[in-house]
């Protein structure tokens, strides 16, 4: 989001919340577009993610103070998890709609977001 617009630091919690809602709604839209039943959809996701399950589990099970845990988790998220079709679609939806959503929200509060050009 910060690459698309300038956000007041005090507004970061609401920007994060709006992004989360849009992301989850993006999952719903992606699911509906597949035309699959919920069972078929879950089986499809399971098959897509199965090759990476051990890697994710190993990172999760690392001790929290292990200096590599955060690094590996961030790499996993950026290089693998975010590229799963449902996650990519949800992220794309959220990023495509966040400016309009925030503008509507802040206009209703009589506030303005200033965009970077």
Protein backbone atom coordinates (compact mmCIF):
# COMPACT_ATOMS: atom_id res chain seq x y z
CA UNK A 1 0.00 0.00 0.00
CA UNK A 2 2.79 2.42 0.87
CA UNK A 3 4.09 2.13 -2.69
CA UNK A 4 0.75 3.43 -4.00
CA UNK A 5 -0.02 6.25 -1.62
CA UNK A 6 1.27 8.32 1.24
CA UNK A 7 -0.41 7.38 4.51
CA UNK A 8 -0.38 9.25 7.79
CA UNK A 9 1.29 7.08 10.44
CA UNK A 10 -1.79 7.42 12.66
CA UNK A 11 -3.89 5.81 9.90
CA UNK A 12 -1.77 2.67 9.52
CA UNK A 13 -4.08 0.51 11.69
CA UNK A 14 -7.15 1.39 9.59
CA UNK A 15 -5.21 0.93 6.33
CA UNK A 16 -4.11 -2.50 7.52
CA UNK A 17 -7.66 -3.42 8.54
CA UNK A 18 -9.11 -2.31 5.19
CA UNK A 19 -6.43 -4.25 3.34
CA UNK A 20 -7.24 -7.38 5.35
CA UNK A 21 -10.97 -7.10 4.60
CA UNK A 22 -10.34 -6.55 0.89
CA UNK A 23 -7.86 -9.44 0.80
CA UNK A 24 -10.35 -11.84 2.37
CA UNK A 25 -13.10 -10.63 0.03
CA UNK A 26 -10.67 -11.27 -2.82
CA UNK A 27 -10.48 -14.89 -1.68
CA UNK A 28 -14.26 -15.12 -1.89
CA UNK A 29 -14.33 -13.67 -5.42
CA UNK A 30 -11.57 -16.05 -6.52
CA UNK A 31 -13.46 -19.01 -5.03
CA UNK A 32 -16.70 -18.03 -6.78
CA UNK A 33 -14.90 -17.62 -10.13
CA UNK A 34 -13.50 -21.16 -9.93
CA UNK A 35 -17.01 -22.63 -10.06
CA UNK A 36 -15.87 -25.40 -7.73
CA UNK A 37 -17.71 -26.75 -4.72
CA UNK A 38 -16.12 -25.90 -1.38
CA UNK A 39 -14.79 -29.46 -1.13
CA UNK A 40 -13.30 -29.36 -4.63
CA UNK A 41 -11.76 -25.96 -3.91
CA UNK A 42 -10.15 -27.14 -0.67
CA UNK A 43 -8.77 -30.24 -2.40
CA UNK A 44 -7.32 -28.06 -5.17
CA UNK A 45 -5.65 -25.76 -2.63
CA UNK A 46 -4.35 -28.73 -0.67
CA UNK A 47 -2.77 -30.19 -3.82
CA UNK A 48 -1.15 -26.84 -4.72
CA UNK A 49 0.32 -26.36 -1.27
CA UNK A 50 1.32 -29.92 -0.43
CA UNK A 51 4.84 -29.73 -1.94
CA UNK A 52 5.65 -26.85 0.44
CA UNK A 53 3.98 -28.22 3.58
CA UNK A 54 7.16 -29.62 5.14
CA UNK A 55 9.05 -26.38 4.55
CA UNK A 56 6.29 -24.32 6.18
CA UNK A 57 6.07 -26.71 9.12
CA UNK A 58 9.84 -26.61 9.67
CA UNK A 59 9.84 -22.80 9.74
CA UNK A 60 6.84 -22.75 12.09
CA UNK A 61 8.52 -25.19 14.47
CA UNK A 62 11.75 -23.19 14.69
CA UNK A 63 12.37 -21.49 18.01
CA UNK A 64 11.07 -17.93 17.98
CA UNK A 65 14.45 -16.52 18.94
CA UNK A 66 16.23 -18.35 16.12
CA UNK A 67 17.69 -15.52 14.01
CA UNK A 68 16.81 -17.33 10.79
CA UNK A 69 13.12 -17.91 11.57
CA UNK A 70 11.94 -14.45 10.56
CA UNK A 71 14.21 -14.39 7.51
CA UNK A 72 12.98 -17.78 6.30
CA UNK A 73 9.34 -16.95 7.07
CA UNK A 74 9.57 -13.71 5.08
CA UNK A 75 11.22 -15.50 2.14
CA UNK A 76 8.59 -18.27 2.26
CA UNK A 77 5.81 -15.68 2.26
CA UNK A 78 7.28 -13.62 -0.57
CA UNK A 79 8.63 -16.38 -2.80
CA UNK A 80 6.12 -19.19 -2.26
CA UNK A 81 2.97 -18.44 -0.26
CA UNK A 82 2.06 -15.17 -1.99
CA UNK A 83 2.34 -16.92 -5.36
CA UNK A 84 -0.31 -19.56 -4.65
CA UNK A 85 -3.16 -18.71 -7.05
CA UNK A 86 -5.72 -17.92 -4.35
CA UNK A 87 -3.28 -15.72 -2.41
CA UNK A 88 -2.09 -13.91 -5.54
CA UNK A 89 -5.70 -13.24 -6.57
CA UNK A 90 -6.66 -12.01 -3.09
CA UNK A 91 -3.62 -9.71 -2.91
CA UNK A 92 -4.30 -8.38 -6.40
CA UNK A 93 -7.93 -7.64 -5.53
CA UNK A 94 -6.98 -5.85 -2.32
CA UNK A 95 -4.33 -3.70 -3.96
CA UNK A 96 -6.59 -2.81 -6.88
CA UNK A 97 -9.37 -1.61 -4.57
CA UNK A 98 -7.64 -0.15 -1.53
CA UNK A 99 -7.32 3.43 -2.80
CA UNK A 100 -11.03 3.71 -3.52
CA UNK A 101 -11.97 2.04 -0.25
CA UNK A 102 -9.73 4.32 1.79
CA UNK A 103 -10.91 7.41 -0.06
CA UNK A 104 -14.52 6.52 0.72
CA UNK A 105 -13.66 5.83 4.33
CA UNK A 106 -11.66 9.01 4.85
CA UNK A 107 -14.15 11.15 2.93
CA UNK A 108 -16.83 9.93 5.30
CA UNK A 109 -14.56 11.12 8.14
CA UNK A 110 -13.92 14.44 6.31
CA UNK A 111 -10.26 13.51 5.94
CA UNK A 112 -8.06 13.20 2.86
CA UNK A 113 -5.27 10.89 1.82
CA UNK A 114 -2.50 12.55 -0.14
CA UNK A 115 -1.09 10.43 -2.95
CA UNK A 116 2.50 10.35 -4.10
CA UNK A 117 2.91 10.91 -7.81
